[in-house]
């Protein structure tokens, strides 16, 4: 099928945490025979911070962030078998969802793909006239990269026909074990941009343990932390490009995952970095959230912390040997159960089943 996907960016992970998800999933859908076209706006300096050139498995259309360019790319949706509007494009989101629903052919499959369901739902639930909320009954599917039963129920209550999670996963060809890199030598590393709904949790789960363990070295990667007060044993890396993620994950004794407030509250929301770290064989410490056991086994495949004190205690007790054992167990688990190849098969089945049922559904209508 011809899948036209309108998202934030495939080519750049700069202030774009969904890039890994898009790349892994869409490449595997292309391997299953689908033709992928990805539309992304030239916005937020992402094209100046590309960490990927257009791949051979997708056609990438970079359009100007203008209304005239928007009209052109929306009109092209009439050529697609599957039209996907992702959340968080960042420019013209409302016009995109309204325009794409109208432009898609009647027989095309219309999908809203939510890569930040808690934030999206918080925005649209109080606004009955929100363009996305108005579009939900006309969409065939809402797919989300996290959220589980609470998100499915919330979308159903707002009028979505079908909502299904398609969780983050691992792309073994891009995230895998590599030799350690002295640049990232540390006892604990954390990689994440500074965001308002994550900062307090970073203070609790990362900066508080660093202050409690002054003889251990901590590394903080991601954009926006330059002006943040931090203990002397916390090194600052700035933006870490995707090409360096494997080395960042394998070099420290452990790496930390910290969910944003909304993701932690909703649960069932493993970040892409969870699978990146596990795929590289890193020993992962994560904050606790509902549904974690669906993805990794606590104690054997991941260490779980309820607060900063737990993080400090895990580090104090963690030997290099146990860290390697946990990392290897996690790597084997995600290779078995949580790859983008497996996720793509889920989506492929959904699309083909919908196509097979279309004549009967049209007759009912």
Protein backbone atom coordinates (compact mmCIF):
# COMPACT_ATOMS: atom_id res chain seq x y z
CA UNK A 1 0.00 0.00 0.00
CA UNK A 2 1.05 3.61 -0.54
CA UNK A 3 1.43 5.13 2.92
CA UNK A 4 1.69 8.93 3.10
CA UNK A 5 2.91 9.86 6.58
CA UNK A 6 2.79 13.47 7.78
CA UNK A 7 5.05 13.83 10.83
CA UNK A 8 7.59 16.02 12.60
CA UNK A 9 10.77 14.69 11.01
CA UNK A 10 12.25 11.46 9.74
CA UNK A 11 15.63 13.01 8.92
CA UNK A 12 16.38 14.76 12.20
CA UNK A 13 16.17 13.74 15.84
CA UNK A 14 16.87 17.32 16.96
CA UNK A 15 14.15 18.14 19.55
CA UNK A 16 12.31 15.23 17.96
CA UNK A 17 12.20 12.16 20.14
CA UNK A 18 9.84 10.37 17.75
CA UNK A 19 12.50 10.08 15.03
CA UNK A 20 13.76 6.69 16.20
CA UNK A 21 10.20 5.36 16.29
CA UNK A 22 9.38 6.63 12.80
CA UNK A 23 12.61 5.27 11.33
CA UNK A 24 12.37 1.80 12.84
CA UNK A 25 8.70 1.23 12.15
CA UNK A 26 8.47 2.74 8.68
CA UNK A 27 11.57 0.95 7.44
CA UNK A 28 10.08 -2.37 8.51
CA UNK A 29 6.75 -1.51 6.86
CA UNK A 30 8.69 -0.79 3.67
CA UNK A 31 10.36 -4.20 3.99
CA UNK A 32 6.87 -5.73 4.06
CA UNK A 33 6.13 -4.17 0.67
CA UNK A 34 4.54 -0.84 1.55
CA UNK A 35 5.57 2.34 -0.29
CA UNK A 36 6.40 5.06 2.23
CA UNK A 37 6.30 8.80 1.64
CA UNK A 38 7.16 10.94 4.66
CA UNK A 39 6.20 14.64 4.75
CA UNK A 40 8.05 16.88 7.19
CA UNK A 41 8.13 20.68 7.53
CA UNK A 42 11.32 22.71 7.36
CA UNK A 43 10.96 24.02 10.92
CA UNK A 44 12.72 24.27 14.29
CA UNK A 45 16.20 24.09 12.68
CA UNK A 46 15.78 20.36 12.20
CA UNK A 47 17.03 20.37 8.63
CA UNK A 48 20.20 22.09 9.86
CA UNK A 49 20.69 19.26 12.38
CA UNK A 50 20.01 16.22 10.22
CA UNK A 51 21.45 12.96 11.47
CA UNK A 52 20.08 10.93 8.58
CA UNK A 53 19.90 11.44 4.83
CA UNK A 54 16.80 10.39 2.86
CA UNK A 55 16.78 6.58 2.94
CA UNK A 56 16.27 4.24 0.02
CA UNK A 57 13.18 2.77 1.69
CA UNK A 58 11.15 6.01 1.80
CA UNK A 59 10.55 9.12 -0.25
CA UNK A 60 10.97 12.16 2.00
CA UNK A 61 9.26 15.44 1.12
CA UNK A 62 10.55 18.45 3.08
CA UNK A 63 8.13 21.34 2.66
CA UNK A 64 8.33 24.99 3.66
CA UNK A 65 6.42 25.94 6.80
CA UNK A 66 4.03 28.12 4.81
CA UNK A 67 0.33 27.86 4.07
CA UNK A 68 0.97 27.58 0.33
CA UNK A 69 3.32 24.61 0.83
CA UNK A 70 0.88 23.07 3.27
CA UNK A 71 -1.91 23.15 0.67
CA UNK A 72 0.34 21.40 -1.87
CA UNK A 73 1.35 18.53 0.39
CA UNK A 74 -2.19 18.05 1.73
CA UNK A 75 -3.53 17.77 -1.82
CA UNK A 76 -1.07 14.93 -2.50
CA UNK A 77 -2.88 12.80 0.09
CA UNK A 78 -5.45 11.98 -2.61
CA UNK A 79 -2.85 9.62 -4.13
CA UNK A 80 -2.43 7.50 -0.99
CA UNK A 81 -3.94 4.20 0.13
CA UNK A 82 -3.15 5.06 3.76
CA UNK A 83 -3.02 8.64 5.04
CA UNK A 84 -1.34 9.17 8.41
CA UNK A 85 -1.30 12.39 10.41
CA UNK A 86 1.09 12.14 13.37
CA UNK A 87 0.80 14.22 16.49
CA UNK A 88 3.32 16.93 17.24
CA UNK A 89 4.25 18.01 13.72
CA UNK A 90 4.69 21.41 15.30
CA UNK A 91 3.35 23.62 12.51
CA UNK A 92 -0.19 23.62 11.07
CA UNK A 93 -1.25 20.59 13.13
CA UNK A 94 -4.92 21.57 13.14
CA UNK A 95 -4.98 22.40 9.44
CA UNK A 96 -3.21 19.13 8.64
CA UNK A 97 -5.72 16.88 10.36
CA UNK A 98 -8.69 18.72 8.86
CA UNK A 99 -7.14 18.93 5.40
CA UNK A 100 -5.93 15.34 5.24
CA UNK A 101 -9.28 13.88 6.27
CA UNK A 102 -10.92 15.88 3.49
CA UNK A 103 -8.26 15.17 0.86
CA UNK A 104 -8.01 11.41 1.33
CA UNK A 105 -9.90 9.24 -1.12
CA UNK A 106 -13.06 7.62 0.30
CA UNK A 107 -11.47 4.17 0.15
CA UNK A 108 -8.21 5.29 1.78
CA UNK A 109 -7.44 4.31 5.37
CA UNK A 110 -7.26 7.41 7.58
CA UNK A 111 -5.06 7.25 10.68
CA UNK A 112 -4.09 9.62 13.46
CA UNK A 113 -0.82 8.36 14.94
CA UNK A 114 -0.29 9.77 18.41
CA UNK A 115 3.31 9.79 19.65
CA UNK A 116 2.40 11.65 22.86
CA UNK A 117 -1.10 10.50 23.80
CA UNK A 118 -1.19 11.94 27.36
CA UNK A 119 -0.36 15.42 26.07
CA UNK A 120 -2.77 15.15 23.13
CA UNK A 121 -5.64 13.98 25.32
CA UNK A 122 -5.00 16.71 27.88
CA UNK A 123 -5.31 19.23 25.06
CA UNK A 124 -8.43 17.95 23.32
CA UNK A 125 -10.56 16.58 26.17
CA UNK A 126 -11.72 20.01 27.41
CA UNK A 127 -12.27 21.37 23.88
CA UNK A 128 -15.32 19.90 22.14
CA UNK A 129 -14.55 21.96 19.04
CA UNK A 130 -10.90 20.98 18.75
CA UNK A 131 -10.11 20.03 15.10
CA UNK A 132 -8.64 16.65 16.06
CA UNK A 133 -11.59 15.82 18.30
CA UNK A 134 -13.97 16.79 15.52
CA UNK A 135 -12.05 14.56 13.09
CA UNK A 136 -12.03 11.42 15.26
CA UNK A 137 -15.30 9.90 13.95
CA UNK A 138 -13.99 10.20 10.37
CA UNK A 139 -10.75 8.37 11.17
CA UNK A 140 -10.44 4.64 10.73
CA UNK A 141 -7.82 4.27 13.47
CA UNK A 142 -6.01 6.09 16.21
CA UNK A 143 -2.65 4.42 16.75
CA UNK A 144 -0.47 5.39 19.71
CA UNK A 145 3.09 4.61 20.67
CA UNK A 146 2.13 4.16 24.28
CA UNK A 147 -0.58 4.58 26.85
CA UNK A 148 -2.22 1.17 26.99
CA UNK A 149 -5.78 0.67 28.29
CA UNK A 150 -6.22 4.19 29.78
CA UNK A 151 -5.45 5.84 26.44
CA UNK A 152 -7.62 3.41 24.46
CA UNK A 153 -10.56 4.10 26.78
CA UNK A 154 -10.04 7.85 26.61
CA UNK A 155 -10.00 7.93 22.82
CA UNK A 156 -13.08 5.70 22.63
CA UNK A 157 -14.91 8.10 24.95
CA UNK A 158 -14.06 10.96 22.59
CA UNK A 159 -15.53 9.18 19.57
CA UNK A 160 -12.61 7.30 18.03
CA UNK A 161 -13.75 4.21 16.11
CA UNK A 162 -10.68 2.14 16.98
CA UNK A 163 -7.62 2.90 19.08
CA UNK A 164 -4.65 0.56 19.31
CA UNK A 165 -1.19 0.99 20.85
CA UNK A 166 1.83 0.26 18.64
CA UNK A 167 4.58 0.48 21.20
CA UNK A 168 8.13 1.73 20.86
CA UNK A 169 10.64 -0.99 20.08
CA UNK A 170 14.19 -1.79 19.00
CA UNK A 171 15.80 -1.50 15.61
CA UNK A 172 18.73 -3.93 15.99
CA UNK A 173 20.45 -2.55 12.90
CA UNK A 174 20.86 0.88 14.49
CA UNK A 175 20.97 0.19 18.24
CA UNK A 176 23.33 -2.58 19.28
CA UNK A 177 26.45 -3.23 21.37
CA UNK A 178 29.59 -1.25 20.44
CA UNK A 179 32.95 -0.75 22.17
CA UNK A 180 32.94 1.69 25.11
CA UNK A 181 33.82 5.31 24.39
CA UNK A 182 35.93 7.25 26.94
CA UNK A 183 33.82 10.37 26.28
CA UNK A 184 30.93 8.69 28.06
CA UNK A 185 32.76 7.06 30.97
CA UNK A 186 30.52 7.37 34.04
CA UNK A 187 28.69 5.47 36.72
CA UNK A 188 25.28 6.69 35.53
CA UNK A 189 24.20 8.39 32.32
CA UNK A 190 20.91 10.06 31.47
CA UNK A 191 19.88 11.30 28.03
CA UNK A 192 16.85 13.56 27.62
CA UNK A 193 15.98 17.11 26.64
CA UNK A 194 15.00 19.59 29.32
CA UNK A 195 11.20 19.75 29.30
CA UNK A 196 8.85 21.36 31.83
CA UNK A 197 6.98 18.12 32.58
CA UNK A 198 10.19 16.13 33.12
CA UNK A 199 12.44 18.54 35.02
CA UNK A 200 11.19 17.81 38.54
CA UNK A 201 11.62 14.08 37.93
CA UNK A 202 15.16 14.64 36.63
CA UNK A 203 15.91 16.54 39.84
CA UNK A 204 14.58 13.63 41.91
CA UNK A 205 15.86 10.61 39.97
CA UNK A 206 19.16 11.98 38.62
CA UNK A 207 20.43 15.10 40.39
CA UNK A 208 19.47 13.96 43.90
CA UNK A 209 21.38 10.63 43.59
CA UNK A 210 24.35 12.54 42.13
CA UNK A 211 24.44 14.77 45.20
CA UNK A 212 24.19 11.72 47.46
CA UNK A 213 27.09 9.94 45.70
CA UNK A 214 29.74 12.66 45.24
CA UNK A 215 32.51 10.15 44.45
CA UNK A 216 30.62 8.71 41.49
CA UNK A 217 30.46 10.31 38.04
CA UNK A 218 27.17 11.21 36.36
CA UNK A 219 26.63 12.29 32.73
CA UNK A 220 23.70 14.39 31.53
CA UNK A 221 23.00 14.47 27.79
CA UNK A 222 20.34 16.40 25.90
CA UNK A 223 19.47 19.97 25.01
CA UNK A 224 18.47 22.76 27.37
CA UNK A 225 20.42 21.85 30.53
CA UNK A 226 23.18 24.46 30.24
CA UNK A 227 21.66 26.84 32.79
CA UNK A 228 20.50 24.12 35.19
CA UNK A 229 22.19 24.02 38.59
CA UNK A 230 23.81 20.63 39.17
CA UNK A 231 26.29 18.88 41.51
CA UNK A 232 29.98 19.06 40.62
CA UNK A 233 30.10 15.36 39.72
CA UNK A 234 27.56 15.80 36.90
CA UNK A 235 29.13 16.26 33.47
CA UNK A 236 27.16 18.02 30.74
CA UNK A 237 27.16 16.74 27.15
CA UNK A 238 24.57 18.83 25.30
CA UNK A 239 22.76 17.30 22.32
CA UNK A 240 23.91 13.73 21.70
CA UNK A 241 23.40 12.69 18.08
CA UNK A 242 21.78 9.36 17.28
CA UNK A 243 25.07 8.04 15.90
CA UNK A 244 26.52 8.27 19.44
CA UNK A 245 23.62 6.71 21.33
CA UNK A 246 25.07 3.20 21.32
CA UNK A 247 28.36 4.35 22.82
CA UNK A 248 26.51 6.52 25.34
CA UNK A 249 24.45 3.51 26.42
CA UNK A 250 27.20 0.89 26.69
CA UNK A 251 29.93 2.95 28.35
CA UNK A 252 28.48 3.98 31.76
CA UNK A 253 27.97 1.30 34.38
CA UNK A 254 24.24 2.02 34.10
CA UNK A 255 21.92 4.36 32.21
CA UNK A 256 18.74 5.94 33.49
CA UNK A 257 15.27 6.29 31.98
CA UNK A 258 13.02 9.03 33.38
CA UNK A 259 9.47 9.30 32.06
CA UNK A 260 7.80 12.65 31.67
CA UNK A 261 5.11 13.42 34.24
CA UNK A 262 2.24 12.64 31.89
CA UNK A 263 3.78 9.39 30.64
CA UNK A 264 4.51 8.18 34.16
CA UNK A 265 0.96 8.99 35.27
CA UNK A 266 -0.62 7.21 32.30
CA UNK A 267 1.67 4.18 32.32
CA UNK A 268 2.27 1.66 29.52
CA UNK A 269 4.60 4.20 27.89
CA UNK A 270 8.14 2.91 27.38
CA UNK A 271 10.28 5.60 25.76
CA UNK A 272 12.33 4.86 22.66
CA UNK A 273 15.43 5.23 24.86
CA UNK A 274 14.37 2.19 26.90
CA UNK A 275 14.73 -0.06 23.86
CA UNK A 276 17.79 1.78 22.53
CA UNK A 277 19.58 1.15 25.82
CA UNK A 278 18.49 -2.46 26.10
CA UNK A 279 19.41 -3.16 22.50
CA UNK A 280 22.93 -1.95 23.19
CA UNK A 281 23.17 -4.24 26.21
CA UNK A 282 23.10 -1.42 28.77
CA UNK A 283 22.12 -1.93 32.38
CA UNK A 284 18.97 0.18 32.61
CA UNK A 285 17.57 1.83 35.74
CA UNK A 286 14.09 3.22 35.17
CA UNK A 287 11.58 5.13 37.22
CA UNK A 288 8.51 3.06 38.07
CA UNK A 289 5.36 3.19 35.93
CA UNK A 290 2.31 1.00 35.45
CA UNK A 291 2.71 -1.62 32.75
CA UNK A 292 6.50 -1.88 32.89
CA UNK A 293 6.25 -5.64 33.48
CA UNK A 294 4.73 -5.98 30.01
CA UNK A 295 8.10 -5.05 28.54
CA UNK A 296 10.88 -5.99 30.98
CA UNK A 297 11.22 -8.11 34.13
CA UNK A 298 12.16 -6.10 37.21
CA UNK A 299 15.39 -7.23 38.84
CA UNK A 300 16.48 -9.52 36.02
CA UNK A 301 16.17 -7.29 32.94
CA UNK A 302 15.81 -3.82 34.45
CA UNK A 303 16.31 -2.09 37.79
CA UNK A 304 13.31 -0.05 38.97
CA UNK A 305 13.46 3.03 41.18
CA UNK A 306 10.55 4.63 43.00
CA UNK A 307 12.56 7.73 43.93
CA UNK A 308 16.07 9.14 43.91
CA UNK A 309 17.06 7.19 46.99
CA UNK A 310 16.33 3.96 45.12
CA UNK A 311 18.56 5.09 42.27
CA UNK A 312 21.41 5.79 44.68
CA UNK A 313 20.95 2.42 46.38
CA UNK A 314 20.94 0.59 43.05
CA UNK A 315 24.19 2.29 42.05
CA UNK A 316 25.87 1.65 45.39
CA UNK A 317 25.12 -2.08 45.12
CA UNK A 318 25.66 -2.52 41.39
CA UNK A 319 28.80 -4.44 40.44
CA UNK A 320 30.11 -4.40 36.87
CA UNK A 321 29.34 -8.12 36.62
CA UNK A 322 25.69 -7.69 37.62
CA UNK A 323 25.33 -4.69 35.36
CA UNK A 324 26.54 -6.76 32.39
CA UNK A 325 24.19 -9.62 33.28
CA UNK A 326 21.16 -7.33 33.49
CA UNK A 327 22.09 -5.62 30.23
CA UNK A 328 22.49 -8.90 28.36
CA UNK A 329 19.21 -10.28 29.71
CA UNK A 330 17.42 -7.11 28.61
CA UNK A 331 19.03 -7.27 25.16
CA UNK A 332 17.85 -10.84 24.65
CA UNK A 333 14.32 -9.93 25.81
CA UNK A 334 13.86 -7.00 23.46
CA UNK A 335 15.35 -8.93 20.53
CA UNK A 336 12.78 -11.64 21.15
CA UNK A 337 9.68 -9.59 21.94
CA UNK A 338 10.14 -5.92 21.14
CA UNK A 339 11.57 -5.17 17.70
CA UNK A 340 10.19 -2.85 15.07
CA UNK A 341 9.94 -5.82 12.74
CA UNK A 342 7.37 -7.32 15.11
CA UNK A 343 5.56 -4.01 15.51
CA UNK A 344 5.42 -3.56 11.73
CA UNK A 345 3.80 -6.98 11.36
CA UNK A 346 1.07 -5.80 13.76
CA UNK A 347 0.43 -2.70 11.66
CA UNK A 348 0.59 -4.62 8.39
CA UNK A 349 -2.02 -7.09 9.64
CA UNK A 350 -4.25 -4.25 10.77
CA UNK A 351 -4.04 -2.50 7.38
CA UNK A 352 -4.61 -5.68 5.37
CA UNK A 353 -7.51 -6.78 7.58
CA UNK A 354 -9.12 -3.37 7.15
CA UNK A 355 -8.66 -3.53 3.39
CA UNK A 356 -10.23 -7.01 3.30
CA UNK A 357 -13.19 -5.86 5.37
CA UNK A 358 -13.74 -2.61 3.45
CA UNK A 359 -16.40 -3.92 1.01
CA UNK A 360 -18.51 -5.35 3.82
CA UNK A 361 -18.12 -2.16 5.88
CA UNK A 362 -19.14 -0.02 2.90
CA UNK A 363 -22.22 -2.19 2.37
CA UNK A 364 -23.26 -1.73 6.01
CA UNK A 365 -22.80 2.03 5.71
